Each structure stands twice: as C-alpha cells, then as structure tokens.
Amino acid sequence: MFDEIVKAGRYLGQSMRLMVGLPEYDTYVAHCEANHPDQPVMSYEEFFKERQEARYGGAGKRGGCC
C-alpha cells in the first residue's frame, strides 16, 4: 500500500511539473545516455536554466537536438 502511495505521489509531482512547463531531468538524462552517449550531460542546475531560457527568454537560442 505504501509503495502505491509513493508511486502515485511521483506521478502527481511529474504531472504538476509538466503542467507548468518544467521538464523532467531524469527523462533528459535517460535520453542523453541512450541517444548521445559520447556527449556530456548537463547538471540539474544547467538543465533547469537552459529550459527556462528556452521557454521564456531564449527565442532562437535553443540548444541540443530536441
């Protein structure tokens, strides 16, 4: 029962982050490891800043492959 509550909490947190436009760092890391193993992975802080700039202030400055 406890495991189900924890799992539901994770899904709720993920859904709320996606609703406000915050992508998942873990998803980014998994994507990079699977598709770009030869390239360095951004730290969480770098990832968060890059995503904010891409969404709010980085018109035309989008980096990465996706």
PDB file of N, CA and C in Angstrom:
ATOM      1  N   MET A   1       0.826  -1.194   0.000  1.00  0.00           N
ATOM      2  CA  MET A   1       0.000   0.000   0.000  1.00  0.00           C
ATOM      3  C   MET A   1       0.871   1.260   0.000  1.00  0.00           C
ATOM      4  N   PHE A   2       1.898   1.261   0.861  1.00  0.00           N
ATOM      5  CA  PHE A   2       2.788   2.429   0.929  1.00  0.00           C
ATOM      6  C   PHE A   2       3.465   2.671  -0.412  1.00  0.00           C
ATOM      7  N   ASP A   3       3.920   1.610  -1.081  1.00  0.00           N
ATOM      8  CA  ASP A   3       4.572   1.743  -2.384  1.00  0.00           C
ATOM      9  C   ASP A   3       3.640   2.369  -3.414  1.00  0.00           C
ATOM     10  N   GLU A   4       2.372   2.012  -3.356  1.00  0.00           N
ATOM     11  CA  GLU A   4       1.397   2.581  -4.292  1.00  0.00           C
ATOM     12  C   GLU A   4       1.199   4.072  -4.041  1.00  0.00           C
ATOM     13  N   ILE A   5       1.199   4.477  -2.786  1.00  0.00           N
ATOM     14  CA  ILE A   5       1.053   5.897  -2.444  1.00  0.00           C
ATOM     15  C   ILE A   5       2.269   6.679  -2.927  1.00  0.00           C
ATOM     16  N   VAL A   6       3.454   6.123  -2.721  1.00  0.00           N
ATOM     17  CA  VAL A   6       4.682   6.779  -3.182  1.00  0.00           C
ATOM     18  C   VAL A   6       4.673   6.915  -4.695  1.00  0.00           C
ATOM     19  N   LYS A   7       4.272   5.859  -5.386  1.00  0.00           N
ATOM     20  CA  LYS A   7       4.208   5.886  -6.852  1.00  0.00           C
ATOM     21  C   LYS A   7       3.204   6.934  -7.333  1.00  0.00           C
ATOM     22  N   ALA A   8       2.048   6.990  -6.690  1.00  0.00           N
ATOM     23  CA  ALA A   8       1.033   7.985  -7.051  1.00  0.00           C
ATOM     24  C   ALA A   8       1.566   9.395  -6.818  1.00  0.00           C
ATOM     25  N   GLY A   9       2.310   9.578  -5.736  1.00  0.00           N
ATOM     26  CA  GLY A   9       2.903  10.885  -5.451  1.00  0.00           C
ATOM     27  C   GLY A   9       3.896  11.304  -6.514  1.00  0.00           C
ATOM     28  N   ARG A  10       4.697  10.357  -7.000  1.00  0.00           N
ATOM     29  CA  ARG A  10       5.648  10.665  -8.067  1.00  0.00           C
ATOM     30  C   ARG A  10       4.929  11.091  -9.339  1.00  0.00           C
ATOM     31  N   TYR A  11       3.886  10.340  -9.695  1.00  0.00           N
ATOM     32  CA  TYR A  11       3.121  10.690 -10.896  1.00  0.00           C
ATOM     33  C   TYR A  11       2.451  12.054 -10.751  1.00  0.00           C
ATOM     34  N   LEU A  12       1.929  12.343  -9.581  1.00  0.00           N
ATOM     35  CA  LEU A  12       1.299  13.638  -9.351  1.00  0.00           C
ATOM     36  C   LEU A  12       2.320  14.759  -9.488  1.00  0.00           C
ATOM     37  N   GLY A  13       3.488  14.580  -8.878  1.00  0.00           N
ATOM     38  CA  GLY A  13       4.547  15.584  -8.978  1.00  0.00           C
ATOM     39  C   GLY A  13       4.986  15.801 -10.414  1.00  0.00           C
ATOM     40  N   GLN A  14       5.161  14.713 -11.152  1.00  0.00           N
ATOM     41  CA  GLN A  14       5.556  14.814 -12.547  1.00  0.00           C
ATOM     42  C   GLN A  14       4.487  15.546 -13.353  1.00  0.00           C
ATOM     43  N   SER A  15       3.230  15.213 -13.125  1.00  0.00           N
ATOM     44  CA  SER A  15       2.136  15.860 -13.848  1.00  0.00           C
ATOM     45  C   SER A  15       2.092  17.350 -13.562  1.00  0.00           C
ATOM     46  N   MET A  16       2.286  17.714 -12.309  1.00  0.00           N
ATOM     47  CA  MET A  16       2.242  19.138 -11.951  1.00  0.00           C
ATOM     48  C   MET A  16       3.407  19.895 -12.588  1.00  0.00           C
ATOM     49  N   ARG A  17       4.597  19.299 -12.603  1.00  0.00           N
ATOM     50  CA  ARG A  17       5.741  19.964 -13.241  1.00  0.00           C
ATOM     51  C   ARG A  17       5.491  20.154 -14.730  1.00  0.00           C
ATOM     52  N   LEU A  18       4.926  19.148 -15.374  1.00  0.00           N
ATOM     53  CA  LEU A  18       4.640  19.263 -16.804  1.00  0.00           C
ATOM     54  C   LEU A  18       3.568  20.299 -17.082  1.00  0.00           C
ATOM     55  N   MET A  19       2.591  20.435 -16.176  1.00  0.00           N
ATOM     56  CA  MET A  19       1.531  21.427 -16.366  1.00  0.00           C
ATOM     57  C   MET A  19       2.073  22.849 -16.354  1.00  0.00           C
ATOM     58  N   VAL A  20       3.110  23.090 -15.578  1.00  0.00           N
ATOM     59  CA  VAL A  20       3.675  24.435 -15.512  1.00  0.00           C
ATOM     60  C   VAL A  20       4.898  24.582 -16.406  1.00  0.00           C
ATOM     61  N   GLY A  21       5.198  23.549 -17.171  1.00  0.00           N
ATOM     62  CA  GLY A  21       6.255  23.645 -18.164  1.00  0.00           C
ATOM     63  C   GLY A  21       7.642  23.279 -17.691  1.00  0.00           C
ATOM     64  N   LEU A  22       7.780  22.553 -16.601  1.00  0.00           N
ATOM     65  CA  LEU A  22       9.086  22.118 -16.137  1.00  0.00           C
ATOM     66  C   LEU A  22       9.324  20.675 -16.562  1.00  0.00           C
ATOM     67  N   PRO A  23      10.246  20.456 -17.468  1.00  0.00           N
ATOM     68  CA  PRO A  23      10.503  19.095 -17.921  1.00  0.00           C
ATOM     69  C   PRO A  23      11.232  18.271 -16.864  1.00  0.00           C
ATOM     70  N   GLU A  24      11.234  16.985 -17.036  1.00  0.00           N
ATOM     71  CA  GLU A  24      11.856  16.061 -16.101  1.00  0.00           C
ATOM     72  C   GLU A  24      13.342  15.901 -16.408  1.00  0.00           C
ATOM     73  N   TYR A  25      14.181  16.159 -15.411  1.00  0.00           N
ATOM     74  CA  TYR A  25      15.617  15.993 -15.567  1.00  0.00           C
ATOM     75  C   TYR A  25      15.973  14.528 -15.811  1.00  0.00           C
ATOM     76  N   ASP A  26      15.330  13.615 -15.092  1.00  0.00           N
ATOM     77  CA  ASP A  26      15.615  12.192 -15.255  1.00  0.00           C
ATOM     78  C   ASP A  26      15.327  11.718 -16.681  1.00  0.00           C
ATOM     79  N   THR A  27      14.275  12.249 -17.277  1.00  0.00           N
ATOM     80  CA  THR A  27      13.933  11.905 -18.660  1.00  0.00           C
ATOM     81  C   THR A  27      15.018  12.418 -19.605  1.00  0.00           C
ATOM     82  N   TYR A  28      15.483  13.637 -19.350  1.00  0.00           N
ATOM     83  CA  TYR A  28      16.566  14.226 -20.149  1.00  0.00           C
ATOM     84  C   TYR A  28      17.832  13.368 -20.061  1.00  0.00           C
ATOM     85  N   VAL A  29      18.211  12.973 -18.835  1.00  0.00           N
ATOM     86  CA  VAL A  29      19.413  12.162 -18.642  1.00  0.00           C
ATOM     87  C   VAL A  29      19.282  10.829 -19.377  1.00  0.00           C
ATOM     88  N   ALA A  30      18.132  10.176 -19.251  1.00  0.00           N
ATOM     89  CA  ALA A  30      17.910   8.901 -19.938  1.00  0.00           C
ATOM     90  C   ALA A  30      18.011   9.074 -21.453  1.00  0.00           C
ATOM     91  N   HIS A  31      17.439  10.166 -21.978  1.00  0.00           N
ATOM     92  CA  HIS A  31      17.505  10.452 -23.413  1.00  0.00           C
ATOM     93  C   HIS A  31      18.956  10.632 -23.856  1.00  0.00           C
ATOM     94  N   CYS A  32      19.701  11.423 -23.082  1.00  0.00           N
ATOM     95  CA  CYS A  32      21.104  11.676 -23.441  1.00  0.00           C
ATOM     96  C   CYS A  32      21.933  10.395 -23.413  1.00  0.00           C
ATOM     97  N   GLU A  33      21.742   9.595 -22.382  1.00  0.00           N
ATOM     98  CA  GLU A  33      22.506   8.353 -22.267  1.00  0.00           C
ATOM     99  C   GLU A  33      22.178   7.384 -23.396  1.00  0.00           C
ATOM    100  N   ALA A  34      20.918   7.360 -23.818  1.00  0.00           N
ATOM    101  CA  ALA A  34      20.506   6.446 -24.876  1.00  0.00           C
ATOM    102  C   ALA A  34      20.886   6.941 -26.273  1.00  0.00           C
ATOM    103  N   ASN A  35      20.821   8.252 -26.488  1.00  0.00           N
ATOM    104  CA  ASN A  35      20.989   8.798 -27.829  1.00  0.00           C
ATOM    105  C   ASN A  35      22.289   9.555 -28.072  1.00  0.00           C
ATOM    106  N   HIS A  36      22.920  10.012 -27.006  1.00  0.00           N
ATOM    107  CA  HIS A  36      24.133  10.821 -27.141  1.00  0.00           C
ATOM    108  C   HIS A  36      25.175  10.410 -26.096  1.00  0.00           C
ATOM    109  N   PRO A  37      25.558   9.140 -26.063  1.00  0.00           N
ATOM    110  CA  PRO A  37      26.462   8.666 -25.007  1.00  0.00           C
ATOM    111  C   PRO A  37      27.844   9.309 -25.040  1.00  0.00           C
ATOM    112  N   ASP A  38      28.225   9.884 -26.174  1.00  0.00           N
ATOM    113  CA  ASP A  38      29.537  10.499 -26.310  1.00  0.00           C
ATOM    114  C   ASP A  38      29.562  11.957 -25.854  1.00  0.00           C
ATOM    115  N   GLN A  39      28.417  12.529 -25.525  1.00  0.00           N
ATOM    116  CA  GLN A  39      28.339  13.935 -25.125  1.00  0.00           C
ATOM    117  C   GLN A  39      28.096  14.054 -23.623  1.00  0.00           C
ATOM    118  N   PRO A  40      28.636  15.125 -23.014  1.00  0.00           N
ATOM    119  CA  PRO A  40      28.413  15.316 -21.573  1.00  0.00           C
ATOM    120  C   PRO A  40      26.953  15.662 -21.278  1.00  0.00           C
ATOM    121  N   VAL A  41      26.495  15.284 -20.092  1.00  0.00           N
ATOM    122  CA  VAL A  41      25.132  15.557 -19.649  1.00  0.00           C
ATOM    123  C   VAL A  41      25.167  16.797 -18.752  1.00  0.00           C
ATOM    124  N   MET A  42      24.253  17.728 -18.978  1.00  0.00           N
ATOM    125  CA  MET A  42      24.192  18.933 -18.141  1.00  0.00           C
ATOM    126  C   MET A  42      23.852  18.562 -16.695  1.00  0.00           C
ATOM    127  N   SER A  43      24.339  19.361 -15.772  1.00  0.00           N
ATOM    128  CA  SER A  43      23.926  19.206 -14.377  1.00  0.00           C
ATOM    129  C   SER A  43      22.468  19.634 -14.267  1.00  0.00           C
ATOM    130  N   TYR A  44      21.834  19.322 -13.137  1.00  0.00           N
ATOM    131  CA  TYR A  44      20.440  19.721 -12.958  1.00  0.00           C
ATOM    132  C   TYR A  44      20.303  21.236 -13.068  1.00  0.00           C
ATOM    133  N   GLU A  45      21.232  21.971 -12.467  1.00  0.00           N
ATOM    134  CA  GLU A  45      21.174  23.438 -12.497  1.00  0.00           C
ATOM    135  C   GLU A  45      21.300  23.962 -13.923  1.00  0.00           C
ATOM    136  N   GLU A  46      22.229  23.406 -14.699  1.00  0.00           N
ATOM    137  CA  GLU A  46      22.395  23.809 -16.099  1.00  0.00           C
ATOM    138  C   GLU A  46      21.148  23.483 -16.909  1.00  0.00           C
ATOM    139  N   PHE A  47      20.610  22.296 -16.684  1.00  0.00           N
ATOM    140  CA  PHE A  47      19.403  21.854 -17.389  1.00  0.00           C
ATOM    141  C   PHE A  47      18.231  22.789 -17.095  1.00  0.00           C
ATOM    142  N   PHE A  48      18.024  23.096 -15.807  1.00  0.00           N
ATOM    143  CA  PHE A  48      16.920  23.957 -15.403  1.00  0.00           C
ATOM    144  C   PHE A  48      17.055  25.338 -16.036  1.00  0.00           C
ATOM    145  N   LYS A  49      18.254  25.910 -15.992  1.00  0.00           N
ATOM    146  CA  LYS A  49      18.481  27.238 -16.565  1.00  0.00           C
ATOM    147  C   LYS A  49      18.257  27.225 -18.074  1.00  0.00           C
ATOM    148  N   GLU A  50      18.775  26.202 -18.752  1.00  0.00           N
ATOM    149  CA  GLU A  50      18.616  26.108 -20.200  1.00  0.00           C
ATOM    150  C   GLU A  50      17.147  25.991 -20.593  1.00  0.00           C
ATOM    151  N   ARG A  51      16.387  25.191 -19.848  1.00  0.00           N
ATOM    152  CA  ARG A  51      14.963  25.024 -20.137  1.00  0.00           C
ATOM    153  C   ARG A  51      14.200  26.318 -19.894  1.00  0.00           C
ATOM    154  N   GLN A  52      14.532  27.047 -18.829  1.00  0.00           N
ATOM    155  CA  GLN A  52      13.870  28.324 -18.572  1.00  0.00           C
ATOM    156  C   GLN A  52      14.172  29.322 -19.676  1.00  0.00           C
ATOM    157  N   GLU A  53      15.426  29.394 -20.088  1.00  0.00           N
ATOM    158  CA  GLU A  53      15.795  30.322 -21.158  1.00  0.00           C
ATOM    159  C   GLU A  53      15.104  29.948 -22.467  1.00  0.00           C
ATOM    160  N   ALA A  54      15.018  28.648 -22.749  1.00  0.00           N
ATOM    161  CA  ALA A  54      14.365  28.205 -23.979  1.00  0.00           C
ATOM    162  C   ALA A  54      12.875  28.545 -23.958  1.00  0.00           C
ATOM    163  N   ARG A  55      12.273  28.456 -22.789  1.00  0.00           N
ATOM    164  CA  ARG A  55      10.834  28.704 -22.703  1.00  0.00           C
ATOM    165  C   ARG A  55      10.484  30.182 -22.620  1.00  0.00           C
ATOM    166  N   TYR A  56      11.250  30.948 -21.847  1.00  0.00           N
ATOM    167  CA  TYR A  56      10.850  32.320 -21.560  1.00  0.00           C
ATOM    168  C   TYR A  56      11.731  33.402 -22.198  1.00  0.00           C
ATOM    169  N   GLY A  57      12.995  33.119 -22.434  1.00  0.00           N
ATOM    170  CA  GLY A  57      13.830  34.213 -22.898  1.00  0.00           C
ATOM    171  C   GLY A  57      14.847  33.853 -23.943  1.00  0.00           C
ATOM    172  N   GLY A  58      14.810  32.663 -24.430  1.00  0.00           N
ATOM    173  CA  GLY A  58      15.843  32.237 -25.350  1.00  0.00           C
ATOM    174  C   GLY A  58      15.336  32.036 -26.761  1.00  0.00           C
ATOM    175  N   ALA A  59      14.520  32.917 -27.255  1.00  0.00           N
ATOM    176  CA  ALA A  59      13.980  32.763 -28.606  1.00  0.00           C
ATOM    177  C   ALA A  59      15.123  32.648 -29.612  1.00  0.00           C
ATOM    178  N   GLY A  60      15.166  31.543 -30.305  1.00  0.00           N
ATOM    179  CA  GLY A  60      16.195  31.322 -31.307  1.00  0.00           C
ATOM    180  C   GLY A  60      17.498  30.795 -30.735  1.00  0.00           C
ATOM    181  N   LYS A  61      17.581  30.590 -29.436  1.00  0.00           N
ATOM    182  CA  LYS A  61      18.829  30.133 -28.830  1.00  0.00           C
ATOM    183  C   LYS A  61      18.722  28.724 -28.324  1.00  0.00           C
ATOM    184  N   ARG A  62      17.834  27.948 -28.848  1.00  0.00           N
ATOM    185  CA  ARG A  62      17.600  26.598 -28.359  1.00  0.00           C
ATOM    186  C   ARG A  62      18.769  25.687 -28.687  1.00  0.00           C
ATOM    187  N   GLY A  63      19.271  24.975 -27.666  1.00  0.00           N
ATOM    188  CA  GLY A  63      20.403  24.083 -27.889  1.00  0.00           C
ATOM    189  C   GLY A  63      19.954  22.637 -27.852  1.00  0.00           C
ATOM    190  N   GLY A  64      20.894  21.758 -28.100  1.00  0.00           N
ATOM    191  CA  GLY A  64      20.578  20.327 -28.036  1.00  0.00           C
ATOM    192  C   GLY A  64      19.945  19.837 -29.318  1.00  0.00           C
ATOM    193  N   CYS A  65      19.533  18.626 -29.286  1.00  0.00           N
ATOM    194  CA  CYS A  65      18.983  18.001 -30.500  1.00  0.00           C
ATOM    195  C   CYS A  65      17.470  18.069 -30.568  1.00  0.00           C
ATOM    196  N   CYS A  66      16.808  18.316 -29.442  1.00  0.00           N
ATOM    197  CA  CYS A  66      15.351  18.165 -29.421  1.00  0.00           C
ATOM    198  C   CYS A  66      14.620  19.433 -29.041  1.00  0.00           C
TER     199      CYS A  66
END
